[in-house]
PDB file of all heavy atoms in Angstrom:
ATOM      1  N   ASN A   1      17.367  -1.824   8.270  1.00  0.00           N
ATOM      2  CA  ASN A   1      16.543  -0.787   8.912  1.00  0.00           C
ATOM      3  C   ASN A   1      15.231  -0.598   8.141  1.00  0.00           C
ATOM      4  O   ASN A   1      14.908   0.495   7.692  1.00  0.00           O
ATOM      5  CB  ASN A   1      17.366   0.515   8.941  1.00  0.00           C
ATOM      6  CG  ASN A   1      16.744   1.577   9.822  1.00  0.00           C
ATOM      7  OD1 ASN A   1      15.768   1.329  10.519  1.00  0.00           O
ATOM      8  ND2 ASN A   1      17.292   2.773   9.760  1.00  0.00           N
ATOM      9  N   SER A   2      14.486  -1.718   7.968  1.00  0.00           N
ATOM     10  CA  SER A   2      13.277  -1.627   7.131  1.00  0.00           C
ATOM     11  C   SER A   2      12.032  -2.000   7.923  1.00  0.00           C
ATOM     12  O   SER A   2      12.097  -2.784   8.871  1.00  0.00           O
ATOM     13  CB  SER A   2      13.409  -2.544   5.915  1.00  0.00           C
ATOM     14  OG  SER A   2      13.496  -3.899   6.314  1.00  0.00           O
ATOM     15  N   GLU A   3      10.908  -1.412   7.518  1.00  0.00           N
ATOM     16  CA  GLU A   3       9.614  -1.799   8.096  1.00  0.00           C
ATOM     17  C   GLU A   3       8.648  -2.099   6.960  1.00  0.00           C
ATOM     18  O   GLU A   3       8.705  -1.483   5.896  1.00  0.00           O
ATOM     19  CB  GLU A   3       9.076  -0.710   9.028  1.00  0.00           C
ATOM     20  CG  GLU A   3       9.074   0.699   8.471  1.00  0.00           C
ATOM     21  CD  GLU A   3       8.756   1.741   9.541  1.00  0.00           C
ATOM     22  OE1 GLU A   3       9.702   2.251  10.161  1.00  0.00           O
ATOM     23  OE2 GLU A   3       7.562   2.050   9.724  1.00  0.00           O
ATOM     24  N   LEU A   4       7.763  -3.076   7.204  1.00  0.00           N
ATOM     25  CA  LEU A   4       6.913  -3.605   6.137  1.00  0.00           C
ATOM     26  C   LEU A   4       5.436  -3.466   6.493  1.00  0.00           C
ATOM     27  O   LEU A   4       5.032  -3.792   7.607  1.00  0.00           O
ATOM     28  CB  LEU A   4       7.260  -5.090   5.919  1.00  0.00           C
ATOM     29  CG  LEU A   4       6.332  -5.944   5.059  1.00  0.00           C
ATOM     30  CD1 LEU A   4       6.210  -5.398   3.641  1.00  0.00           C
ATOM     31  CD2 LEU A   4       6.830  -7.395   5.027  1.00  0.00           C
ATOM     32  N   TYR A   5       4.657  -2.977   5.526  1.00  0.00           N
ATOM     33  CA  TYR A   5       3.200  -2.880   5.673  1.00  0.00           C
ATOM     34  C   TYR A   5       2.540  -3.563   4.485  1.00  0.00           C
ATOM     35  O   TYR A   5       2.900  -3.293   3.338  1.00  0.00           O
ATOM     36  CB  TYR A   5       2.744  -1.409   5.722  1.00  0.00           C
ATOM     37  CG  TYR A   5       3.238  -0.691   6.946  1.00  0.00           C
ATOM     38  CD1 TYR A   5       4.505  -0.114   6.951  1.00  0.00           C
ATOM     39  CD2 TYR A   5       2.465  -0.616   8.096  1.00  0.00           C
ATOM     40  CE1 TYR A   5       4.988   0.528   8.084  1.00  0.00           C
ATOM     41  CE2 TYR A   5       2.934   0.029   9.242  1.00  0.00           C
ATOM     42  CZ  TYR A   5       4.197   0.596   9.222  1.00  0.00           C
ATOM     43  OH  TYR A   5       4.677   1.216  10.351  1.00  0.00           O
ATOM     44  N   PHE A   6       1.555  -4.407   4.775  1.00  0.00           N
ATOM     45  CA  PHE A   6       0.755  -5.015   3.706  1.00  0.00           C
ATOM     46  C   PHE A   6      -0.600  -4.323   3.639  1.00  0.00           C
ATOM     47  O   PHE A   6      -1.157  -3.936   4.672  1.00  0.00           O
ATOM     48  CB  PHE A   6       0.526  -6.510   3.986  1.00  0.00           C
ATOM     49  CG  PHE A   6       1.712  -7.365   3.661  1.00  0.00           C
ATOM     50  CD1 PHE A   6       2.412  -8.016   4.670  1.00  0.00           C
ATOM     51  CD2 PHE A   6       2.131  -7.534   2.351  1.00  0.00           C
ATOM     52  CE1 PHE A   6       3.513  -8.817   4.371  1.00  0.00           C
ATOM     53  CE2 PHE A   6       3.231  -8.322   2.045  1.00  0.00           C
ATOM     54  CZ  PHE A   6       3.913  -8.968   3.053  1.00  0.00           C
ATOM     55  N   ILE A   7      -1.119  -4.181   2.419  1.00  0.00           N
ATOM     56  CA  ILE A   7      -2.463  -3.635   2.229  1.00  0.00           C
ATOM     57  C   ILE A   7      -3.315  -4.708   1.564  1.00  0.00           C
ATOM     58  O   ILE A   7      -2.931  -5.273   0.534  1.00  0.00           O
ATOM     59  CB  ILE A   7      -2.442  -2.349   1.368  1.00  0.00           C
ATOM     60  CG1 ILE A   7      -1.573  -1.264   2.034  1.00  0.00           C
ATOM     61  CG2 ILE A   7      -3.852  -1.825   1.147  1.00  0.00           C
ATOM     62  CD1 ILE A   7      -1.454   0.031   1.251  1.00  0.00           C
ATOM     63  N   ASP A   8      -4.464  -4.995   2.170  1.00  0.00           N
ATOM     64  CA  ASP A   8      -5.359  -6.036   1.647  1.00  0.00           C
ATOM     65  C   ASP A   8      -6.088  -5.579   0.384  1.00  0.00           C
ATOM     66  O   ASP A   8      -6.272  -4.379   0.166  1.00  0.00           O
ATOM     67  CB  ASP A   8      -6.413  -6.407   2.709  1.00  0.00           C
ATOM     68  CG  ASP A   8      -5.884  -7.505   3.620  1.00  0.00           C
ATOM     69  OD1 ASP A   8      -5.009  -8.278   3.171  1.00  0.00           O
ATOM     70  OD2 ASP A   8      -6.325  -7.582   4.776  1.00  0.00           O
ATOM     71  N   LYS A   9      -6.522  -6.570  -0.394  1.00  0.00           N
ATOM     72  CA  LYS A   9      -7.275  -6.300  -1.633  1.00  0.00           C
ATOM     73  C   LYS A   9      -6.521  -5.291  -2.498  1.00  0.00           C
ATOM     74  O   LYS A   9      -7.062  -4.280  -2.944  1.00  0.00           O
ATOM     75  CB  LYS A   9      -8.684  -5.786  -1.309  1.00  0.00           C
ATOM     76  CG  LYS A   9      -9.511  -6.833  -0.567  1.00  0.00           C
ATOM     77  CD  LYS A   9     -10.935  -6.399  -0.374  1.00  0.00           C
ATOM     78  CE  LYS A   9     -11.738  -7.491   0.314  1.00  0.00           C
ATOM     79  NZ  LYS A   9     -13.037  -7.056   0.740  1.00  0.00           N
ATOM     80  N   CYS A  10      -5.259  -5.588  -2.712  1.00  0.00           N
ATOM     81  CA  CYS A  10      -4.400  -4.641  -3.426  1.00  0.00           C
ATOM     82  C   CYS A  10      -3.322  -5.423  -4.166  1.00  0.00           C
ATOM     83  O   CYS A  10      -2.741  -6.370  -3.624  1.00  0.00           O
ATOM     84  CB  CYS A  10      -3.776  -3.690  -2.398  1.00  0.00           C
ATOM     85  SG  CYS A  10      -2.529  -2.617  -3.097  1.00  0.00           S
ATOM     86  N   GLY A  11      -3.047  -5.021  -5.412  1.00  0.00           N
ATOM     87  CA  GLY A  11      -2.082  -5.706  -6.263  1.00  0.00           C
ATOM     88  C   GLY A  11      -0.705  -5.058  -6.267  1.00  0.00           C
ATOM     89  O   GLY A  11      -0.169  -4.667  -5.231  1.00  0.00           O
ATOM     90  N   HIS A  12      -0.160  -4.878  -7.470  1.00  0.00           N
ATOM     91  CA  HIS A  12       1.252  -4.520  -7.675  1.00  0.00           C
ATOM     92  C   HIS A  12       1.513  -3.009  -7.606  1.00  0.00           C
ATOM     93  O   HIS A  12       2.661  -2.597  -7.571  1.00  0.00           O
ATOM     94  CB  HIS A  12       1.663  -5.079  -9.045  1.00  0.00           C
ATOM     95  CG  HIS A  12       3.124  -4.969  -9.349  1.00  0.00           C
ATOM     96  ND1 HIS A  12       4.103  -5.489  -8.528  1.00  0.00           N
ATOM     97  CD2 HIS A  12       3.781  -4.394 -10.408  1.00  0.00           C
ATOM     98  CE1 HIS A  12       5.291  -5.248  -9.067  1.00  0.00           C
ATOM     99  NE2 HIS A  12       5.121  -4.587 -10.196  1.00  0.00           N
ATOM    100  N   ALA A  13       0.455  -2.214  -7.616  1.00  0.00           N
ATOM    101  CA  ALA A  13       0.647  -0.749  -7.632  1.00  0.00           C
ATOM    102  C   ALA A  13      -0.225  -0.090  -6.554  1.00  0.00           C
ATOM    103  O   ALA A  13      -1.205   0.577  -6.854  1.00  0.00           O
ATOM    104  CB  ALA A  13       0.304  -0.195  -9.017  1.00  0.00           C
ATOM    105  N   PRO A  14       0.136  -0.280  -5.260  1.00  0.00           N
ATOM    106  CA  PRO A  14      -0.702   0.235  -4.168  1.00  0.00           C
ATOM    107  C   PRO A  14      -0.987   1.732  -4.250  1.00  0.00           C
ATOM    108  O   PRO A  14      -2.077   2.180  -3.905  1.00  0.00           O
ATOM    109  CB  PRO A  14       0.106  -0.092  -2.909  1.00  0.00           C
ATOM    110  CG  PRO A  14       0.969  -1.255  -3.291  1.00  0.00           C
ATOM    111  CD  PRO A  14       1.289  -1.035  -4.744  1.00  0.00           C
ATOM    112  N   MET A  15      -0.014   2.516  -4.737  1.00  0.00           N
ATOM    113  CA  MET A  15      -0.219   3.980  -4.771  1.00  0.00           C
ATOM    114  C   MET A  15      -1.295   4.372  -5.781  1.00  0.00           C
ATOM    115  O   MET A  15      -1.850   5.455  -5.716  1.00  0.00           O
ATOM    116  CB  MET A  15       1.100   4.718  -5.041  1.00  0.00           C
ATOM    117  CG  MET A  15       1.682   4.610  -6.420  1.00  0.00           C
ATOM    118  SD  MET A  15       2.302   2.970  -6.834  1.00  0.00           S
ATOM    119  CE  MET A  15       2.507   3.168  -8.602  1.00  0.00           C
ATOM    120  N   MET A  16      -1.614   3.457  -6.722  1.00  0.00           N
ATOM    121  CA  MET A  16      -2.703   3.700  -7.679  1.00  0.00           C
ATOM    122  C   MET A  16      -4.016   3.111  -7.174  1.00  0.00           C
ATOM    123  O   MET A  16      -5.071   3.699  -7.293  1.00  0.00           O
ATOM    124  CB  MET A  16      -2.406   3.032  -9.027  1.00  0.00           C
ATOM    125  CG  MET A  16      -1.385   3.695  -9.877  1.00  0.00           C
ATOM    126  SD  MET A  16      -1.094   2.702 -11.372  1.00  0.00           S
ATOM    127  CE  MET A  16      -2.477   3.186 -12.418  1.00  0.00           C
ATOM    128  N   GLU A  17      -3.907   1.887  -6.611  1.00  0.00           N
ATOM    129  CA  GLU A  17      -5.118   1.124  -6.309  1.00  0.00           C
ATOM    130  C   GLU A  17      -5.760   1.534  -4.977  1.00  0.00           C
ATOM    131  O   GLU A  17      -6.980   1.571  -4.866  1.00  0.00           O
ATOM    132  CB  GLU A  17      -4.787  -0.376  -6.301  1.00  0.00           C
ATOM    133  CG  GLU A  17      -6.023  -1.235  -6.360  1.00  0.00           C
ATOM    134  CD  GLU A  17      -5.752  -2.653  -6.874  1.00  0.00           C
ATOM    135  OE1 GLU A  17      -4.579  -3.082  -6.966  1.00  0.00           O
ATOM    136  OE2 GLU A  17      -6.728  -3.333  -7.192  1.00  0.00           O
ATOM    137  N   VAL A  18      -4.921   1.803  -3.981  1.00  0.00           N
ATOM    138  CA  VAL A  18      -5.449   2.203  -2.658  1.00  0.00           C
ATOM    139  C   VAL A  18      -4.685   3.433  -2.168  1.00  0.00           C
ATOM    140  O   VAL A  18      -4.002   3.395  -1.150  1.00  0.00           O
ATOM    141  CB  VAL A  18      -5.325   1.040  -1.634  1.00  0.00           C
ATOM    142  CG1 VAL A  18      -6.402  -0.001  -1.834  1.00  0.00           C
ATOM    143  CG2 VAL A  18      -3.959   0.388  -1.690  1.00  0.00           C
ATOM    144  N   PRO A  19      -4.787   4.554  -2.910  1.00  0.00           N
ATOM    145  CA  PRO A  19      -3.947   5.709  -2.611  1.00  0.00           C
ATOM    146  C   PRO A  19      -4.128   6.260  -1.195  1.00  0.00           C
ATOM    147  O   PRO A  19      -3.155   6.685  -0.574  1.00  0.00           O
ATOM    148  CB  PRO A  19      -4.337   6.743  -3.671  1.00  0.00           C
ATOM    149  CG  PRO A  19      -5.638   6.281  -4.230  1.00  0.00           C
ATOM    150  CD  PRO A  19      -5.663   4.798  -4.072  1.00  0.00           C
ATOM    151  N   ASP A  20      -5.355   6.223  -0.672  1.00  0.00           N
ATOM    152  CA  ASP A  20      -5.575   6.824   0.658  1.00  0.00           C
ATOM    153  C   ASP A  20      -4.790   6.063   1.727  1.00  0.00           C
ATOM    154  O   ASP A  20      -4.101   6.666   2.549  1.00  0.00           O
ATOM    155  CB  ASP A  20      -7.073   6.855   1.008  1.00  0.00           C
ATOM    156  CG  ASP A  20      -7.839   7.798   0.072  1.00  0.00           C
ATOM    157  OD1 ASP A  20      -7.174   8.573  -0.641  1.00  0.00           O
ATOM    158  OD2 ASP A  20      -9.083   7.752   0.051  1.00  0.00           O
ATOM    159  N   GLU A  21      -4.904   4.734   1.702  1.00  0.00           N
ATOM    160  CA  GLU A  21      -4.166   3.920   2.685  1.00  0.00           C
ATOM    161  C   GLU A  21      -2.659   4.076   2.496  1.00  0.00           C
ATOM    162  O   GLU A  21      -1.899   4.193   3.458  1.00  0.00           O
ATOM    163  CB  GLU A  21      -4.540   2.447   2.509  1.00  0.00           C
ATOM    164  CG  GLU A  21      -5.550   1.951   3.516  1.00  0.00           C
ATOM    165  CD  GLU A  21      -5.838   0.472   3.329  1.00  0.00           C
ATOM    166  OE1 GLU A  21      -6.704   0.152   2.487  1.00  0.00           O
ATOM    167  OE2 GLU A  21      -5.194  -0.344   3.994  1.00  0.00           O
ATOM    168  N   PHE A  22      -2.248   4.066   1.235  1.00  0.00           N
ATOM    169  CA  PHE A  22      -0.822   4.202   0.916  1.00  0.00           C
ATOM    170  C   PHE A  22      -0.277   5.513   1.478  1.00  0.00           C
ATOM    171  O   PHE A  22       0.769   5.541   2.138  1.00  0.00           O
ATOM    172  CB  PHE A  22      -0.648   4.171  -0.616  1.00  0.00           C
ATOM    173  CG  PHE A  22       0.791   4.179  -1.069  1.00  0.00           C
ATOM    174  CD1 PHE A  22       1.454   2.985  -1.328  1.00  0.00           C
ATOM    175  CD2 PHE A  22       1.482   5.369  -1.238  1.00  0.00           C
ATOM    176  CE1 PHE A  22       2.785   2.991  -1.744  1.00  0.00           C
ATOM    177  CE2 PHE A  22       2.811   5.381  -1.646  1.00  0.00           C
ATOM    178  CZ  PHE A  22       3.458   4.188  -1.903  1.00  0.00           C
ATOM    179  N   ASN A  23      -1.004   6.605   1.241  1.00  0.00           N
ATOM    180  CA  ASN A  23      -0.541   7.933   1.672  1.00  0.00           C
ATOM    181  C   ASN A  23      -0.452   8.044   3.189  1.00  0.00           C
ATOM    182  O   ASN A  23       0.467   8.671   3.720  1.00  0.00           O
ATOM    183  CB  ASN A  23      -1.455   9.024   1.110  1.00  0.00           C
ATOM    184  CG  ASN A  23      -1.325   9.170  -0.401  1.00  0.00           C
ATOM    185  OD1 ASN A  23      -0.373   8.647  -1.001  1.00  0.00           O
ATOM    186  ND2 ASN A  23      -2.276   9.825  -1.036  1.00  0.00           N
ATOM    187  N   VAL A  24      -1.399   7.425   3.887  1.00  0.00           N
ATOM    188  CA  VAL A  24      -1.381   7.471   5.363  1.00  0.00           C
ATOM    189  C   VAL A  24      -0.128   6.771   5.902  1.00  0.00           C
ATOM    190  O   VAL A  24       0.577   7.294   6.770  1.00  0.00           O
ATOM    191  CB  VAL A  24      -2.665   6.812   5.944  1.00  0.00           C
ATOM    192  CG1 VAL A  24      -2.517   6.521   7.426  1.00  0.00           C
ATOM    193  CG2 VAL A  24      -3.876   7.717   5.705  1.00  0.00           C
TER     194      VAL A  24
END
């Protein structure tokens, strides 16, 4: 029961590197 999202131009810590996209 999983869903997957990729974020571009982003490494191993998305919540640090692209917090706005991650939070949305």
